Amino acid sequence: MINARVISWESHLILRAAERDEVAFELLSDMYRPVLMSLALRMLRNPDDANDAVQDTLVKAFRAIHDFDPDRPLKPWLCRICTNCCVDAVRSRKRDGESLDQHEYMLADDGESVDATASGSIREGQVMAAIERLPDKYRRIIVMRHFRHMDVNEIADELHKPEGTIKSWLFRARAMLKKDLQLVLN
């Protein structure tokens, strides 16, 4: 008996890309580049950095696609890689320091505005640090909900968990952040 299996176009391309077919991978890249670019822009708020993150995402995906299960959807996997690339870019920014040229507009404002912007930046840094201190599953939920702007049902699908569990984890994560930030900000 012949084992005939009907596979989707995406699965076919994944199988071909796993065999190092560059054209197949390029077709996959073209399908998901807009989604990845949107995600990277939301997280990085800089088109050049977003382009770099998307390019890094696609390079990493091409190198690892032979390990990917073609029966699974590709979008969540690519979005996870892209999110990690964006987080790496943010960490790199903090480590390397940012160019003053990017913040030149702030210097033209009066002193009160600069003070307010500086306070806002300090608070934003404290919030990001508090997010980093969360346990992994809660940090992931916060990033997905508030940085990737995913709905609870989308998060549940990506993590293969019931929506009730995701809502519970999101509630706990927010409570932990609130408690942590009250200690820091007061």
N, C-alpha and C. Protein backbone atom coordinates (compact mmCIF):
# COMPACT_ATOMS: atom_id res chain seq x y z
N MET A 1 0.84 -1.18 0.00
CA MET A 1 0.00 0.00 0.00
C MET A 1 0.89 1.25 0.00
N ILE A 2 0.55 2.21 -0.79
CA ILE A 2 1.32 3.45 -0.89
C ILE A 2 0.85 4.39 0.21
N ASN A 3 1.82 4.95 0.93
CA ASN A 3 1.50 5.87 2.01
C ASN A 3 1.47 7.28 1.43
N ALA A 4 0.30 7.69 0.98
CA ALA A 4 0.14 9.03 0.39
C ALA A 4 -0.21 10.01 1.49
N ARG A 5 0.48 11.12 1.50
CA ARG A 5 0.24 12.14 2.52
C ARG A 5 0.12 13.49 1.84
N VAL A 6 -0.95 14.15 2.10
CA VAL A 6 -1.15 15.48 1.54
C VAL A 6 -0.57 16.47 2.54
N ILE A 7 0.31 17.31 2.05
CA ILE A 7 0.90 18.31 2.94
C ILE A 7 0.59 19.71 2.43
N SER A 8 0.63 20.64 3.33
CA SER A 8 0.34 22.03 2.96
C SER A 8 1.52 22.61 2.19
N TRP A 9 1.25 23.72 1.52
CA TRP A 9 2.29 24.42 0.77
C TRP A 9 3.41 24.85 1.73
N GLU A 10 3.04 25.35 2.91
CA GLU A 10 4.04 25.77 3.89
C GLU A 10 4.91 24.58 4.32
N SER A 11 4.27 23.45 4.61
CA SER A 11 5.03 22.26 5.01
C SER A 11 5.98 21.81 3.91
N HIS A 12 5.48 21.88 2.68
CA HIS A 12 6.32 21.51 1.53
C HIS A 12 7.56 22.42 1.47
N LEU A 13 7.34 23.72 1.62
CA LEU A 13 8.46 24.66 1.59
C LEU A 13 9.42 24.42 2.75
N ILE A 14 8.88 24.10 3.92
CA ILE A 14 9.74 23.83 5.08
C ILE A 14 10.61 22.61 4.81
N LEU A 15 10.01 21.56 4.27
CA LEU A 15 10.78 20.35 3.95
C LEU A 15 11.88 20.65 2.92
N ARG A 16 11.54 21.44 1.91
CA ARG A 16 12.53 21.80 0.89
C ARG A 16 13.64 22.68 1.50
N ALA A 17 13.25 23.62 2.35
CA ALA A 17 14.24 24.50 2.99
C ALA A 17 15.15 23.70 3.91
N ALA A 18 14.59 22.67 4.57
CA ALA A 18 15.40 21.82 5.45
C ALA A 18 16.48 21.08 4.66
N GLU A 19 16.22 20.90 3.38
CA GLU A 19 17.22 20.28 2.49
C GLU A 19 18.13 21.34 1.87
N ARG A 20 18.11 22.53 2.42
CA ARG A 20 18.93 23.67 2.01
C ARG A 20 18.56 24.24 0.65
N ASP A 21 17.27 24.16 0.31
CA ASP A 21 16.75 24.77 -0.90
C ASP A 21 16.52 26.25 -0.60
N GLU A 22 17.40 27.10 -1.11
CA GLU A 22 17.34 28.53 -0.79
C GLU A 22 16.10 29.21 -1.36
N VAL A 23 15.64 28.75 -2.52
CA VAL A 23 14.44 29.34 -3.12
C VAL A 23 13.23 29.07 -2.23
N ALA A 24 13.11 27.86 -1.71
CA ALA A 24 12.00 27.53 -0.81
C ALA A 24 12.05 28.40 0.44
N PHE A 25 13.24 28.57 1.00
CA PHE A 25 13.34 29.40 2.20
C PHE A 25 13.03 30.86 1.88
N GLU A 26 13.44 31.32 0.72
CA GLU A 26 13.15 32.70 0.33
C GLU A 26 11.64 32.92 0.20
N LEU A 27 10.93 31.92 -0.32
CA LEU A 27 9.47 32.03 -0.41
C LEU A 27 8.84 32.11 0.98
N LEU A 28 9.35 31.29 1.91
CA LEU A 28 8.87 31.36 3.30
C LEU A 28 9.18 32.73 3.90
N SER A 29 10.38 33.22 3.64
CA SER A 29 10.79 34.53 4.17
C SER A 29 9.88 35.63 3.65
N ASP A 30 9.56 35.57 2.35
CA ASP A 30 8.68 36.59 1.77
C ASP A 30 7.29 36.55 2.40
N MET A 31 6.83 35.34 2.76
CA MET A 31 5.50 35.21 3.37
C MET A 31 5.46 35.85 4.76
N TYR A 32 6.53 35.70 5.53
CA TYR A 32 6.50 36.11 6.94
C TYR A 32 7.28 37.39 7.24
N ARG A 33 8.02 37.92 6.28
CA ARG A 33 8.80 39.14 6.54
C ARG A 33 7.93 40.29 7.04
N PRO A 34 6.74 40.56 6.44
CA PRO A 34 5.92 41.68 6.96
C PRO A 34 5.50 41.49 8.42
N VAL A 35 5.14 40.28 8.80
CA VAL A 35 4.74 40.00 10.18
C VAL A 35 5.93 40.22 11.12
N LEU A 36 7.09 39.72 10.72
CA LEU A 36 8.29 39.86 11.55
C LEU A 36 8.70 41.33 11.65
N MET A 37 8.58 42.06 10.55
CA MET A 37 8.95 43.48 10.56
C MET A 37 8.02 44.26 11.49
N SER A 38 6.75 43.95 11.45
CA SER A 38 5.79 44.62 12.33
C SER A 38 6.12 44.35 13.80
N LEU A 39 6.41 43.10 14.10
CA LEU A 39 6.78 42.72 15.46
C LEU A 39 8.05 43.45 15.91
N ALA A 40 9.07 43.45 15.06
CA ALA A 40 10.34 44.09 15.40
C ALA A 40 10.18 45.60 15.56
N LEU A 41 9.37 46.22 14.73
CA LEU A 41 9.14 47.67 14.86
C LEU A 41 8.44 48.00 16.16
N ARG A 42 7.46 47.18 16.55
CA ARG A 42 6.76 47.42 17.82
C ARG A 42 7.72 47.30 19.00
N MET A 43 8.64 46.36 18.92
CA MET A 43 9.54 46.14 20.05
C MET A 43 10.70 47.12 20.08
N LEU A 44 11.24 47.47 18.91
CA LEU A 44 12.47 48.26 18.86
C LEU A 44 12.24 49.74 18.56
N ARG A 45 11.13 50.05 17.90
CA ARG A 45 10.77 51.43 17.56
C ARG A 45 11.84 52.14 16.75
N ASN A 46 12.54 51.39 15.93
CA ASN A 46 13.58 51.97 15.07
C ASN A 46 13.64 51.10 13.81
N PRO A 47 13.35 51.67 12.64
CA PRO A 47 13.30 50.86 11.41
C PRO A 47 14.62 50.15 11.08
N ASP A 48 15.74 50.81 11.30
CA ASP A 48 17.03 50.18 10.99
C ASP A 48 17.29 48.99 11.91
N ASP A 49 17.03 49.17 13.20
CA ASP A 49 17.20 48.07 14.15
C ASP A 49 16.22 46.93 13.86
N ALA A 50 14.99 47.31 13.47
CA ALA A 50 13.98 46.29 13.14
C ALA A 50 14.41 45.48 11.92
N ASN A 51 14.93 46.16 10.90
CA ASN A 51 15.44 45.44 9.71
C ASN A 51 16.55 44.48 10.10
N ASP A 52 17.46 44.93 10.94
CA ASP A 52 18.56 44.08 11.39
C ASP A 52 18.04 42.86 12.15
N ALA A 53 17.05 43.08 13.02
CA ALA A 53 16.48 41.99 13.81
C ALA A 53 15.78 40.96 12.91
N VAL A 54 15.06 41.45 11.90
CA VAL A 54 14.38 40.54 10.98
C VAL A 54 15.41 39.75 10.18
N GLN A 55 16.47 40.42 9.75
CA GLN A 55 17.51 39.72 9.00
C GLN A 55 18.17 38.65 9.87
N ASP A 56 18.48 38.99 11.12
CA ASP A 56 19.05 38.01 12.05
C ASP A 56 18.09 36.84 12.26
N THR A 57 16.81 37.16 12.37
CA THR A 57 15.79 36.13 12.55
C THR A 57 15.82 35.13 11.40
N LEU A 58 15.84 35.66 10.18
CA LEU A 58 15.80 34.79 9.01
C LEU A 58 17.08 33.96 8.87
N VAL A 59 18.21 34.55 9.21
CA VAL A 59 19.47 33.79 9.16
C VAL A 59 19.44 32.65 10.18
N LYS A 60 19.00 32.96 11.40
CA LYS A 60 18.92 31.92 12.44
C LYS A 60 17.91 30.84 12.06
N ALA A 61 16.80 31.25 11.49
CA ALA A 61 15.78 30.28 11.08
C ALA A 61 16.32 29.38 9.97
N PHE A 62 17.03 29.95 9.01
CA PHE A 62 17.58 29.13 7.92
C PHE A 62 18.56 28.10 8.46
N ARG A 63 19.37 28.53 9.42
CA ARG A 63 20.36 27.60 10.00
C ARG A 63 19.70 26.48 10.80
N ALA A 64 18.52 26.74 11.38
CA ALA A 64 17.89 25.76 12.27
C ALA A 64 16.67 25.07 11.67
N ILE A 65 16.31 25.40 10.44
CA ILE A 65 15.05 24.87 9.89
C ILE A 65 15.06 23.35 9.73
N HIS A 66 16.24 22.76 9.62
CA HIS A 66 16.30 21.29 9.50
C HIS A 66 15.80 20.59 10.77
N ASP A 67 15.79 21.30 11.91
CA ASP A 67 15.29 20.74 13.16
C ASP A 67 13.81 21.03 13.39
N PHE A 68 13.21 21.86 12.53
CA PHE A 68 11.82 22.27 12.72
C PHE A 68 10.88 21.18 12.21
N ASP A 69 9.80 20.96 12.97
CA ASP A 69 8.78 19.98 12.59
C ASP A 69 7.84 20.62 11.57
N PRO A 70 7.83 20.12 10.31
CA PRO A 70 7.01 20.74 9.27
C PRO A 70 5.50 20.62 9.51
N ASP A 71 5.09 19.80 10.47
CA ASP A 71 3.67 19.67 10.78
C ASP A 71 3.19 20.79 11.72
N ARG A 72 4.12 21.55 12.27
CA ARG A 72 3.76 22.66 13.16
C ARG A 72 3.71 23.96 12.36
N PRO A 73 2.95 24.94 12.82
CA PRO A 73 2.92 26.23 12.11
C PRO A 73 4.25 26.97 12.28
N LEU A 74 4.67 27.61 11.22
CA LEU A 74 5.98 28.28 11.20
C LEU A 74 5.95 29.65 11.88
N LYS A 75 4.82 30.35 11.79
CA LYS A 75 4.74 31.73 12.29
C LYS A 75 5.13 31.87 13.76
N PRO A 76 4.59 31.06 14.69
CA PRO A 76 4.98 31.23 16.10
C PRO A 76 6.48 31.01 16.33
N TRP A 77 7.05 30.05 15.62
CA TRP A 77 8.49 29.77 15.75
C TRP A 77 9.30 30.97 15.28
N LEU A 78 8.95 31.52 14.11
CA LEU A 78 9.67 32.69 13.60
C LEU A 78 9.48 33.90 14.52
N CYS A 79 8.27 34.08 15.04
CA CYS A 79 8.03 35.21 15.95
C CYS A 79 8.83 35.07 17.24
N ARG A 80 8.98 33.84 17.73
CA ARG A 80 9.78 33.62 18.93
C ARG A 80 11.25 33.97 18.66
N ILE A 81 11.77 33.54 17.51
CA ILE A 81 13.15 33.87 17.15
C ILE A 81 13.30 35.38 17.03
N CYS A 82 12.34 36.03 16.38
CA CYS A 82 12.39 37.49 16.19
C CYS A 82 12.35 38.21 17.53
N THR A 83 11.49 37.76 18.43
CA THR A 83 11.41 38.37 19.76
C THR A 83 12.75 38.27 20.47
N ASN A 84 13.37 37.11 20.39
CA ASN A 84 14.68 36.93 21.02
C ASN A 84 15.73 37.84 20.38
N CYS A 85 15.69 37.99 19.06
CA CYS A 85 16.63 38.89 18.38
C CYS A 85 16.41 40.34 18.82
N CYS A 86 15.14 40.72 19.00
CA CYS A 86 14.84 42.09 19.45
C CYS A 86 15.32 42.30 20.88
N VAL A 87 15.11 41.32 21.74
CA VAL A 87 15.60 41.43 23.12
C VAL A 87 17.12 41.55 23.12
N ASP A 88 17.79 40.76 22.29
CA ASP A 88 19.25 40.87 22.18
C ASP A 88 19.67 42.26 21.71
N ALA A 89 18.91 42.83 20.76
CA ALA A 89 19.23 44.17 20.26
C ALA A 89 19.08 45.21 21.36
N VAL A 90 18.03 45.09 22.17
CA VAL A 90 17.82 46.04 23.28
C VAL A 90 18.95 45.91 24.29
N ARG A 91 19.31 44.68 24.61
CA ARG A 91 20.43 44.47 25.56
C ARG A 91 21.72 45.05 25.00
N SER A 92 21.93 44.87 23.71
CA SER A 92 23.14 45.39 23.07
C SER A 92 23.15 46.92 23.14
N ARG A 93 22.00 47.53 22.93
CA ARG A 93 21.89 48.99 23.03
C ARG A 93 22.31 49.47 24.41
N LYS A 94 21.80 48.78 25.44
CA LYS A 94 22.12 49.17 26.81
C LYS A 94 23.60 49.01 27.09
N ARG A 95 24.19 47.94 26.57
CA ARG A 95 25.59 47.65 26.80
C ARG A 95 26.49 48.64 26.05
N ASP A 96 26.15 48.90 24.79
CA ASP A 96 26.98 49.75 23.95
C ASP A 96 26.71 51.23 24.16
N GLY A 97 25.55 51.54 24.72
CA GLY A 97 25.14 52.94 24.83
C GLY A 97 24.59 53.38 23.49
N GLU A 98 23.68 54.31 23.52
CA GLU A 98 23.08 54.79 22.29
C GLU A 98 23.75 56.07 21.86
N SER A 99 23.75 56.31 20.57
CA SER A 99 24.33 57.52 20.01
C SER A 99 23.48 58.72 20.43
N LEU A 100 24.14 59.85 20.73
CA LEU A 100 23.41 61.06 21.08
C LEU A 100 22.65 61.62 19.89
N ASP A 101 23.11 61.30 18.68
CA ASP A 101 22.43 61.79 17.48
C ASP A 101 20.97 61.37 17.46
N GLN A 102 20.67 60.18 17.97
CA GLN A 102 19.31 59.68 17.97
C GLN A 102 18.42 60.49 18.92
N HIS A 103 19.02 61.18 19.89
CA HIS A 103 18.26 61.90 20.91
C HIS A 103 18.48 63.41 20.82
N GLU A 104 18.95 63.87 19.69
CA GLU A 104 19.26 65.28 19.50
C GLU A 104 18.02 66.16 19.72
N TYR A 105 16.85 65.67 19.30
CA TYR A 105 15.62 66.44 19.44
C TYR A 105 15.33 66.77 20.90
N MET A 106 15.78 65.94 21.82
CA MET A 106 15.52 66.18 23.24
C MET A 106 16.32 67.37 23.77
N LEU A 107 17.47 67.62 23.18
CA LEU A 107 18.33 68.69 23.66
C LEU A 107 17.79 70.07 23.32
N ALA A 108 16.92 70.16 22.31
CA ALA A 108 16.36 71.44 21.90
C ALA A 108 15.25 71.91 22.84
N ASP A 109 14.71 71.01 23.66
CA ASP A 109 13.62 71.36 24.57
C ASP A 109 14.16 72.10 25.79
N ASP A 110 13.24 72.72 26.52
CA ASP A 110 13.65 73.42 27.74
C ASP A 110 13.99 72.40 28.83
N GLY A 111 14.56 72.85 29.93
CA GLY A 111 15.04 71.97 30.99
C GLY A 111 13.97 71.10 31.61
N GLU A 112 12.77 71.64 31.81
CA GLU A 112 11.70 70.85 32.42
C GLU A 112 11.36 69.64 31.56
N SER A 113 11.31 69.85 30.26
CA SER A 113 10.98 68.75 29.35
C SER A 113 12.07 67.68 29.38
N VAL A 114 13.32 68.12 29.45
CA VAL A 114 14.44 67.17 29.52
C VAL A 114 14.36 66.38 30.82
N ASP A 115 14.04 67.07 31.92
CA ASP A 115 13.90 66.37 33.21
C ASP A 115 12.78 65.34 33.15
N ALA A 116 11.66 65.73 32.55
CA ALA A 116 10.52 64.80 32.44
C ALA A 116 10.89 63.61 31.58
N THR A 117 11.60 63.86 30.47
CA THR A 117 12.02 62.76 29.60
C THR A 117 13.00 61.85 30.31
N ALA A 118 13.91 62.44 31.06
CA ALA A 118 14.89 61.63 31.81
C ALA A 118 14.18 60.78 32.85
N SER A 119 13.21 61.37 33.55
CA SER A 119 12.46 60.61 34.55
C SER A 119 11.70 59.47 33.90
N GLY A 120 11.11 59.76 32.74
CA GLY A 120 10.39 58.72 32.00
C GLY A 120 11.31 57.59 31.57
N SER A 121 12.52 57.94 31.14
CA SER A 121 13.50 56.93 30.73
C SER A 121 13.94 56.08 31.92
N ILE A 122 14.11 56.73 33.06
CA ILE A 122 14.51 55.98 34.26
C ILE A 122 13.39 55.02 34.65
N ARG A 123 12.14 55.51 34.63
CA ARG A 123 11.00 54.63 34.96
C ARG A 123 10.90 53.47 33.98
N GLU A 124 11.08 53.78 32.69
CA GLU A 124 11.01 52.72 31.68
C GLU A 124 12.09 51.68 31.94
N GLY A 125 13.27 52.13 32.29
CA GLY A 125 14.36 51.20 32.61
C GLY A 125 14.02 50.35 33.83
N GLN A 126 13.38 50.96 34.83
CA GLN A 126 12.99 50.22 36.02
C GLN A 126 11.92 49.18 35.70
N VAL A 127 11.00 49.54 34.83
CA VAL A 127 9.96 48.59 34.42
C VAL A 127 10.59 47.42 33.67
N MET A 128 11.50 47.73 32.74
CA MET A 128 12.16 46.66 31.98
C MET A 128 12.97 45.76 32.91
N ALA A 129 13.64 46.35 33.89
CA ALA A 129 14.40 45.55 34.85
C ALA A 129 13.47 44.66 35.68
N ALA A 130 12.32 45.19 36.05
CA ALA A 130 11.35 44.40 36.81
C ALA A 130 10.82 43.24 35.97
N ILE A 131 10.60 43.48 34.70
CA ILE A 131 10.16 42.41 33.79
C ILE A 131 11.24 41.35 33.70
N GLU A 132 12.48 41.75 33.62
CA GLU A 132 13.60 40.80 33.55
C GLU A 132 13.69 39.94 34.80
N ARG A 133 13.25 40.48 35.95
CA ARG A 133 13.32 39.73 37.21
C ARG A 133 12.18 38.71 37.36
N LEU A 134 11.17 38.80 36.51
CA LEU A 134 10.06 37.85 36.59
C LEU A 134 10.53 36.43 36.25
N PRO A 135 9.88 35.42 36.81
CA PRO A 135 10.16 34.05 36.37
C PRO A 135 9.88 33.93 34.87
N ASP A 136 10.56 33.02 34.20
CA ASP A 136 10.54 32.91 32.75
C ASP A 136 9.14 32.86 32.16
N LYS A 137 8.25 32.00 32.71
CA LYS A 137 6.93 31.87 32.09
C LYS A 137 6.13 33.17 32.21
N TYR A 138 6.28 33.90 33.30
CA TYR A 138 5.56 35.15 33.46
C TYR A 138 6.17 36.24 32.58
N ARG A 139 7.48 36.28 32.48
CA ARG A 139 8.15 37.26 31.61
C ARG A 139 7.69 37.06 30.17
N ARG A 140 7.64 35.80 29.74
CA ARG A 140 7.22 35.48 28.37
C ARG A 140 5.79 35.97 28.10
N ILE A 141 4.90 35.74 29.06
CA ILE A 141 3.50 36.15 28.91
C ILE A 141 3.42 37.68 28.80
N ILE A 142 4.14 38.40 29.64
CA ILE A 142 4.14 39.87 29.61
C ILE A 142 4.65 40.37 28.26
N VAL A 143 5.74 39.80 27.78
CA VAL A 143 6.30 40.22 26.48
C VAL A 143 5.29 39.96 25.36
N MET A 144 4.68 38.79 25.38
CA MET A 144 3.73 38.45 24.33
C MET A 144 2.52 39.38 24.36
N ARG A 145 2.02 39.67 25.55
CA ARG A 145 0.80 40.48 25.67
C ARG A 145 1.06 41.96 25.44
N HIS A 146 2.13 42.49 26.04
CA HIS A 146 2.32 43.94 26.05
C HIS A 146 3.34 44.46 25.05
N PHE A 147 4.20 43.61 24.54
CA PHE A 147 5.18 44.06 23.55
C PHE A 147 4.85 43.53 22.16
N ARG A 148 4.35 42.30 22.10
CA ARG A 148 3.95 41.74 20.81
C ARG A 148 2.46 41.97 20.55
N HIS A 149 1.74 42.51 21.53
CA HIS A 149 0.32 42.86 21.42
C HIS A 149 -0.52 41.67 20.98
N MET A 150 -0.26 40.51 21.58
CA MET A 150 -1.02 39.31 21.26
C MET A 150 -2.23 39.22 22.18
N ASP A 151 -3.33 38.69 21.66
CA ASP A 151 -4.51 38.44 22.47
C ASP A 151 -4.27 37.20 23.32
N VAL A 152 -5.06 37.04 24.36
CA VAL A 152 -4.92 35.90 25.27
C VAL A 152 -5.06 34.59 24.50
N ASN A 153 -6.02 34.52 23.56
CA ASN A 153 -6.20 33.28 22.80
C ASN A 153 -5.00 32.98 21.91
N GLU A 154 -4.35 34.01 21.37
CA GLU A 154 -3.15 33.80 20.55
C GLU A 154 -2.00 33.27 21.42
N ILE A 155 -1.87 33.82 22.62
CA ILE A 155 -0.83 33.36 23.55
C ILE A 155 -1.09 31.91 23.92
N ALA A 156 -2.34 31.60 24.21
CA ALA A 156 -2.72 30.23 24.58
C ALA A 156 -2.37 29.26 23.45
N ASP A 157 -2.67 29.65 22.22
CA ASP A 157 -2.34 28.80 21.06
C ASP A 157 -0.84 28.59 20.93
N GLU A 158 -0.08 29.67 21.06
CA GLU A 158 1.37 29.57 20.89
C GLU A 158 2.01 28.73 21.99
N LEU A 159 1.51 28.85 23.22
CA LEU A 159 2.11 28.13 24.35
C LEU A 159 1.44 26.77 24.60
N HIS A 160 0.39 26.47 23.83
CA HIS A 160 -0.34 25.22 23.99
C HIS A 160 -0.87 25.05 25.42
N LYS A 161 -1.49 26.13 25.92
CA LYS A 161 -2.09 26.14 27.26
C LYS A 161 -3.52 26.64 27.15
N PRO A 162 -4.38 26.28 28.10
CA PRO A 162 -5.76 26.81 28.10
C PRO A 162 -5.76 28.32 28.35
N GLU A 163 -6.78 29.00 27.80
CA GLU A 163 -6.88 30.45 27.97
C GLU A 163 -6.96 30.83 29.44
N GLY A 164 -7.65 30.02 30.25
CA GLY A 164 -7.76 30.30 31.68
C GLY A 164 -6.41 30.32 32.37
N THR A 165 -5.54 29.41 31.97
CA THR A 165 -4.18 29.37 32.53
C THR A 165 -3.42 30.63 32.16
N ILE A 166 -3.55 31.04 30.90
CA ILE A 166 -2.86 32.25 30.43
C ILE A 166 -3.37 33.48 31.20
N LYS A 167 -4.68 33.58 31.38
CA LYS A 167 -5.24 34.71 32.13
C LYS A 167 -4.73 34.72 33.56
N SER A 168 -4.65 33.54 34.17
CA SER A 168 -4.16 33.43 35.53
C SER A 168 -2.69 33.85 35.62
N TRP A 169 -1.88 33.35 34.68
CA TRP A 169 -0.45 33.70 34.67
C TRP A 169 -0.27 35.20 34.43
N LEU A 170 -1.09 35.76 33.54
CA LEU A 170 -0.99 37.19 33.25
C LEU A 170 -1.35 38.01 34.49
N PHE A 171 -2.38 37.59 35.21
CA PHE A 171 -2.78 38.27 36.45
C PHE A 171 -1.64 38.21 37.47
N ARG A 172 -1.05 37.01 37.64
CA ARG A 172 0.05 36.85 38.60
C ARG A 172 1.26 37.68 38.19
N ALA A 173 1.58 37.67 36.90
CA ALA A 173 2.74 38.42 36.41
C ALA A 173 2.56 39.91 36.68
N ARG A 174 1.36 40.42 36.40
CA ARG A 174 1.10 41.85 36.64
C ARG A 174 1.16 42.17 38.13
N ALA A 175 0.64 41.27 38.97
CA ALA A 175 0.69 41.48 40.42
C ALA A 175 2.14 41.50 40.90
N MET A 176 2.96 40.59 40.37
CA MET A 176 4.37 40.56 40.76
C MET A 176 5.09 41.84 40.31
N LEU A 177 4.78 42.31 39.10
CA LEU A 177 5.38 43.55 38.61
C LEU A 177 4.96 44.74 39.47
N LYS A 178 3.67 44.80 39.80
CA LYS A 178 3.16 45.90 40.62
C LYS A 178 3.87 45.94 41.97
N LYS A 179 4.00 44.76 42.59
CA LYS A 179 4.66 44.69 43.89
C LYS A 179 6.13 45.10 43.78
N ASP A 180 6.80 44.59 42.77
CA ASP A 180 8.22 44.90 42.55
C ASP A 180 8.41 46.40 42.30
N LEU A 181 7.57 46.96 41.45
CA LEU A 181 7.70 48.37 41.10
C LEU A 181 7.32 49.31 42.24
N GLN A 182 6.38 48.90 43.10
CA GLN A 182 6.05 49.72 44.26
C GLN A 182 7.26 49.85 45.18
N LEU A 183 8.02 48.77 45.32
CA LEU A 183 9.23 48.81 46.15
C LEU A 183 10.28 49.74 45.51
N VAL A 184 10.41 49.67 44.19
CA VAL A 184 11.44 50.45 43.50
C VAL A 184 11.06 51.91 43.41
N LEU A 185 9.81 52.20 43.06
CA LEU A 185 9.40 53.57 42.78
C LEU A 185 9.05 54.39 44.03
N ASN A 186 8.81 53.72 45.15
CA ASN A 186 8.47 54.45 46.38
C ASN A 186 9.63 54.64 47.27
